[in-house]
Amino acid sequence: MKTTKFVCSIGLLDKDTCTQIHSDEDAMRVVSNYLASHFFGSTAYFARGIYKMQNTGEIILEPTIRVELFDTEHEKVLDFCKWAKEILNQESIALETIEENVDFV
């Protein structure tokens, strides 16, 4: 079935303090609760974000939650990203939109 897959990468380092305020487990619980109450289904897992600070050149390794969503509207995913950005105090959240063939077998 042709569908759109959305992948959100949500860093867990606070944008103001550059430290992790919420533990991995607490952040995953909050994100999972939102997903369960707003979407029919999703996949969420831990990853490691890697980027270079533009102003200092410092390499940052950031605990990250990746969320995959299928069969939903782009606007609902944007609402989720805006919510996660605010609740986890993030500067930005990466959102990938991918057209794929997905079957639930």
N, C-alpha and C. Protein backbone atom coordinates (compact mmCIF):
# COMPACT_ATOMS: atom_id res chain seq x y z
N MET A 1 0.84 -1.16 0.00
CA MET A 1 0.00 0.00 0.00
C MET A 1 0.89 1.24 0.00
N LYS A 2 0.68 2.14 -0.91
CA LYS A 2 1.44 3.39 -0.98
C LYS A 2 0.97 4.31 0.15
N THR A 3 1.92 4.78 0.95
CA THR A 3 1.59 5.66 2.06
C THR A 3 2.76 6.59 2.34
N THR A 4 2.53 7.52 3.21
CA THR A 4 3.59 8.42 3.66
C THR A 4 4.04 7.99 5.04
N LYS A 5 5.36 7.89 5.19
CA LYS A 5 5.95 7.61 6.50
C LYS A 5 6.60 8.91 6.98
N PHE A 6 6.33 9.24 8.22
CA PHE A 6 6.94 10.42 8.84
C PHE A 6 7.92 9.93 9.90
N VAL A 7 9.11 10.49 9.90
CA VAL A 7 10.12 10.15 10.90
C VAL A 7 10.54 11.44 11.60
N CYS A 8 10.34 11.47 12.91
CA CYS A 8 10.69 12.63 13.73
C CYS A 8 11.89 12.27 14.59
N SER A 9 12.90 13.13 14.59
CA SER A 9 14.07 12.95 15.45
C SER A 9 14.05 14.05 16.50
N ILE A 10 13.90 13.63 17.75
CA ILE A 10 13.71 14.56 18.86
C ILE A 10 14.89 14.44 19.81
N GLY A 11 15.72 15.46 19.84
CA GLY A 11 16.85 15.48 20.76
C GLY A 11 16.39 15.66 22.19
N LEU A 12 17.21 15.22 23.13
CA LEU A 12 16.83 15.30 24.54
C LEU A 12 17.70 16.26 25.36
N LEU A 13 18.63 16.97 24.70
CA LEU A 13 19.39 17.98 25.42
C LEU A 13 18.61 19.29 25.39
N ASP A 14 18.39 19.88 26.55
CA ASP A 14 17.68 21.14 26.67
C ASP A 14 18.41 22.22 25.87
N LYS A 15 17.67 23.00 25.08
CA LYS A 15 18.31 23.99 24.20
C LYS A 15 18.96 25.13 24.97
N ASP A 16 18.50 25.41 26.17
CA ASP A 16 19.05 26.52 26.94
C ASP A 16 20.25 26.12 27.79
N THR A 17 20.22 24.93 28.34
CA THR A 17 21.30 24.51 29.24
C THR A 17 22.27 23.51 28.60
N CYS A 18 21.91 22.96 27.45
CA CYS A 18 22.71 21.94 26.76
C CYS A 18 22.95 20.71 27.63
N THR A 19 22.03 20.46 28.55
CA THR A 19 22.10 19.27 29.38
C THR A 19 20.78 18.51 29.25
N GLN A 20 20.80 17.26 29.65
CA GLN A 20 19.60 16.44 29.59
C GLN A 20 18.83 16.61 30.90
N ILE A 21 17.67 17.25 30.82
CA ILE A 21 16.85 17.52 32.00
C ILE A 21 15.95 16.32 32.33
N HIS A 22 15.39 15.69 31.29
CA HIS A 22 14.51 14.53 31.47
C HIS A 22 15.31 13.26 31.17
N SER A 23 15.18 12.25 32.02
CA SER A 23 15.85 10.99 31.74
C SER A 23 15.30 10.39 30.45
N ASP A 24 16.05 9.48 29.85
CA ASP A 24 15.58 8.81 28.64
C ASP A 24 14.20 8.20 28.86
N GLU A 25 14.05 7.50 29.99
CA GLU A 25 12.80 6.79 30.27
C GLU A 25 11.63 7.76 30.45
N ASP A 26 11.86 8.87 31.17
CA ASP A 26 10.79 9.85 31.36
C ASP A 26 10.39 10.49 30.04
N ALA A 27 11.38 10.85 29.24
CA ALA A 27 11.09 11.46 27.94
C ALA A 27 10.32 10.49 27.05
N MET A 28 10.74 9.22 27.02
CA MET A 28 10.05 8.22 26.20
C MET A 28 8.62 8.02 26.70
N ARG A 29 8.42 8.00 28.00
CA ARG A 29 7.08 7.82 28.54
C ARG A 29 6.16 8.98 28.12
N VAL A 30 6.64 10.21 28.23
CA VAL A 30 5.83 11.38 27.87
C VAL A 30 5.51 11.36 26.37
N VAL A 31 6.52 11.08 25.56
CA VAL A 31 6.31 11.02 24.11
C VAL A 31 5.36 9.88 23.75
N SER A 32 5.56 8.71 24.35
CA SER A 32 4.70 7.55 24.05
C SER A 32 3.25 7.80 24.45
N ASN A 33 3.03 8.46 25.58
CA ASN A 33 1.67 8.79 25.99
C ASN A 33 0.98 9.70 24.98
N TYR A 34 1.70 10.70 24.49
CA TYR A 34 1.13 11.58 23.47
C TYR A 34 0.79 10.78 22.22
N LEU A 35 1.74 9.97 21.75
CA LEU A 35 1.53 9.19 20.53
C LEU A 35 0.32 8.26 20.67
N ALA A 36 0.22 7.59 21.81
CA ALA A 36 -0.89 6.65 22.02
C ALA A 36 -2.23 7.35 22.04
N SER A 37 -2.28 8.59 22.50
CA SER A 37 -3.56 9.29 22.59
C SER A 37 -3.92 10.08 21.33
N HIS A 38 -2.97 10.23 20.39
CA HIS A 38 -3.25 11.05 19.20
C HIS A 38 -3.13 10.30 17.87
N PHE A 39 -2.55 9.10 17.88
CA PHE A 39 -2.33 8.36 16.63
C PHE A 39 -2.81 6.92 16.79
N PHE A 40 -3.10 6.25 15.66
CA PHE A 40 -3.53 4.86 15.69
C PHE A 40 -2.38 3.92 16.02
N GLY A 41 -1.17 4.34 15.69
CA GLY A 41 -0.01 3.52 15.98
C GLY A 41 1.26 4.26 15.61
N SER A 42 2.35 3.84 16.21
CA SER A 42 3.64 4.47 15.93
C SER A 42 4.74 3.54 16.41
N THR A 43 5.96 3.89 16.06
CA THR A 43 7.14 3.21 16.58
C THR A 43 8.05 4.28 17.14
N ALA A 44 8.54 4.08 18.35
CA ALA A 44 9.47 5.03 18.96
C ALA A 44 10.65 4.24 19.52
N TYR A 45 11.85 4.78 19.29
CA TYR A 45 13.05 4.11 19.77
C TYR A 45 14.15 5.14 20.02
N PHE A 46 15.17 4.73 20.76
CA PHE A 46 16.28 5.61 21.08
C PHE A 46 17.33 5.57 19.98
N ALA A 47 17.93 6.72 19.76
CA ALA A 47 19.01 6.85 18.78
C ALA A 47 20.02 7.85 19.34
N ARG A 48 21.05 8.14 18.58
CA ARG A 48 22.06 9.11 18.99
C ARG A 48 22.18 10.15 17.88
N GLY A 49 21.81 11.39 18.20
CA GLY A 49 21.99 12.49 17.27
C GLY A 49 23.43 12.98 17.32
N ILE A 50 23.98 13.33 16.17
CA ILE A 50 25.37 13.79 16.09
C ILE A 50 25.38 15.05 15.24
N TYR A 51 25.92 16.12 15.80
CA TYR A 51 26.01 17.36 15.02
C TYR A 51 27.15 18.22 15.54
N LYS A 52 27.54 19.20 14.72
CA LYS A 52 28.60 20.12 15.07
C LYS A 52 27.99 21.48 15.40
N MET A 53 28.34 22.03 16.55
CA MET A 53 27.87 23.36 16.94
C MET A 53 28.44 24.38 15.95
N GLN A 54 27.56 25.20 15.37
CA GLN A 54 28.01 26.16 14.37
C GLN A 54 28.93 27.22 14.97
N ASN A 55 28.65 27.65 16.20
CA ASN A 55 29.43 28.75 16.77
C ASN A 55 30.77 28.31 17.38
N THR A 56 30.87 27.04 17.83
CA THR A 56 32.10 26.59 18.48
C THR A 56 32.83 25.48 17.74
N GLY A 57 32.12 24.78 16.85
CA GLY A 57 32.71 23.64 16.17
C GLY A 57 32.72 22.37 16.99
N GLU A 58 32.19 22.44 18.22
CA GLU A 58 32.15 21.28 19.11
C GLU A 58 31.21 20.21 18.55
N ILE A 59 31.65 18.96 18.61
CA ILE A 59 30.83 17.83 18.18
C ILE A 59 29.94 17.43 19.35
N ILE A 60 28.64 17.33 19.10
CA ILE A 60 27.66 16.98 20.13
C ILE A 60 27.09 15.61 19.81
N LEU A 61 27.06 14.74 20.82
CA LEU A 61 26.37 13.46 20.75
C LEU A 61 25.14 13.60 21.64
N GLU A 62 23.97 13.56 21.04
CA GLU A 62 22.74 13.86 21.78
C GLU A 62 21.81 12.66 21.85
N PRO A 63 21.40 12.26 23.06
CA PRO A 63 20.36 11.24 23.16
C PRO A 63 19.13 11.73 22.38
N THR A 64 18.54 10.83 21.61
CA THR A 64 17.47 11.21 20.69
C THR A 64 16.39 10.15 20.68
N ILE A 65 15.15 10.59 20.57
CA ILE A 65 14.04 9.67 20.35
C ILE A 65 13.62 9.80 18.90
N ARG A 66 13.56 8.67 18.21
CA ARG A 66 13.07 8.64 16.82
C ARG A 66 11.66 8.07 16.85
N VAL A 67 10.78 8.74 16.13
CA VAL A 67 9.38 8.33 16.05
C VAL A 67 9.03 8.11 14.59
N GLU A 68 8.42 6.96 14.28
CA GLU A 68 7.93 6.66 12.94
C GLU A 68 6.41 6.59 12.98
N LEU A 69 5.78 7.29 12.04
CA LEU A 69 4.32 7.32 11.95
C LEU A 69 3.89 7.01 10.52
N PHE A 70 2.85 6.19 10.38
CA PHE A 70 2.29 5.84 9.09
C PHE A 70 0.82 6.22 9.06
N ASP A 71 0.30 6.36 7.85
CA ASP A 71 -1.14 6.47 7.66
C ASP A 71 -1.77 7.56 8.55
N THR A 72 -1.19 8.75 8.48
CA THR A 72 -1.71 9.88 9.25
C THR A 72 -1.53 11.15 8.42
N GLU A 73 -2.04 12.24 8.92
CA GLU A 73 -1.99 13.50 8.20
C GLU A 73 -0.74 14.29 8.61
N HIS A 74 -0.17 14.98 7.65
CA HIS A 74 1.02 15.81 7.87
C HIS A 74 0.77 16.83 8.99
N GLU A 75 -0.40 17.43 9.01
CA GLU A 75 -0.73 18.44 10.02
C GLU A 75 -0.69 17.87 11.44
N LYS A 76 -1.16 16.63 11.61
CA LYS A 76 -1.11 15.98 12.93
C LYS A 76 0.33 15.74 13.36
N VAL A 77 1.18 15.39 12.41
CA VAL A 77 2.59 15.17 12.73
C VAL A 77 3.25 16.50 13.10
N LEU A 78 2.92 17.55 12.37
CA LEU A 78 3.45 18.88 12.72
C LEU A 78 3.01 19.29 14.12
N ASP A 79 1.76 19.02 14.46
CA ASP A 79 1.27 19.33 15.81
C ASP A 79 2.08 18.57 16.86
N PHE A 80 2.36 17.29 16.59
CA PHE A 80 3.18 16.50 17.51
C PHE A 80 4.57 17.11 17.66
N CYS A 81 5.19 17.48 16.53
CA CYS A 81 6.54 18.06 16.58
C CYS A 81 6.55 19.37 17.37
N LYS A 82 5.55 20.19 17.16
CA LYS A 82 5.46 21.46 17.90
C LYS A 82 5.31 21.18 19.40
N TRP A 83 4.47 20.21 19.74
CA TRP A 83 4.28 19.84 21.14
C TRP A 83 5.60 19.34 21.74
N ALA A 84 6.26 18.40 21.05
CA ALA A 84 7.51 17.82 21.56
C ALA A 84 8.59 18.89 21.69
N LYS A 85 8.64 19.80 20.73
CA LYS A 85 9.62 20.89 20.76
C LYS A 85 9.43 21.73 22.02
N GLU A 86 8.18 22.01 22.35
CA GLU A 86 7.89 22.83 23.53
C GLU A 86 8.13 22.06 24.83
N ILE A 87 7.59 20.86 24.92
CA ILE A 87 7.64 20.09 26.17
C ILE A 87 9.07 19.68 26.52
N LEU A 88 9.91 19.44 25.50
CA LEU A 88 11.30 19.02 25.74
C LEU A 88 12.29 20.16 25.52
N ASN A 89 11.79 21.37 25.30
CA ASN A 89 12.59 22.58 25.14
C ASN A 89 13.69 22.41 24.09
N GLN A 90 13.26 22.11 22.87
CA GLN A 90 14.18 21.89 21.76
C GLN A 90 14.19 23.08 20.81
N GLU A 91 15.34 23.33 20.22
CA GLU A 91 15.45 24.39 19.22
C GLU A 91 14.72 23.98 17.94
N SER A 92 14.86 22.71 17.58
CA SER A 92 14.18 22.20 16.38
C SER A 92 14.05 20.69 16.49
N ILE A 93 13.17 20.15 15.64
CA ILE A 93 12.98 18.71 15.53
C ILE A 93 13.06 18.37 14.04
N ALA A 94 13.86 17.39 13.69
CA ALA A 94 13.96 16.97 12.30
C ALA A 94 12.73 16.15 11.94
N LEU A 95 12.11 16.49 10.82
CA LEU A 95 10.94 15.76 10.33
C LEU A 95 11.20 15.33 8.90
N GLU A 96 11.26 14.02 8.70
CA GLU A 96 11.41 13.45 7.36
C GLU A 96 10.05 12.98 6.87
N THR A 97 9.77 13.22 5.61
CA THR A 97 8.55 12.74 4.98
C THR A 97 8.95 11.86 3.82
N ILE A 98 8.53 10.60 3.86
CA ILE A 98 8.98 9.59 2.89
C ILE A 98 7.78 8.88 2.29
N GLU A 99 7.70 8.86 0.96
CA GLU A 99 6.66 8.09 0.28
C GLU A 99 7.16 6.66 0.15
N GLU A 100 6.38 5.71 0.67
CA GLU A 100 6.79 4.31 0.68
C GLU A 100 5.61 3.39 0.40
N ASN A 101 5.98 2.16 0.07
CA ASN A 101 5.00 1.09 0.03
C ASN A 101 5.10 0.35 1.35
N VAL A 102 4.02 0.35 2.11
CA VAL A 102 4.01 -0.30 3.42
C VAL A 102 2.84 -1.24 3.49
N ASP A 103 3.11 -2.47 3.91
CA ASP A 103 2.04 -3.44 4.14
C ASP A 103 2.10 -3.87 5.59
N PHE A 104 0.95 -3.98 6.20
CA PHE A 104 0.85 -4.53 7.55
C PHE A 104 0.38 -5.96 7.40
N VAL A 105 1.27 -6.92 7.62
CA VAL A 105 0.99 -8.33 7.36
C VAL A 105 0.72 -9.04 8.67
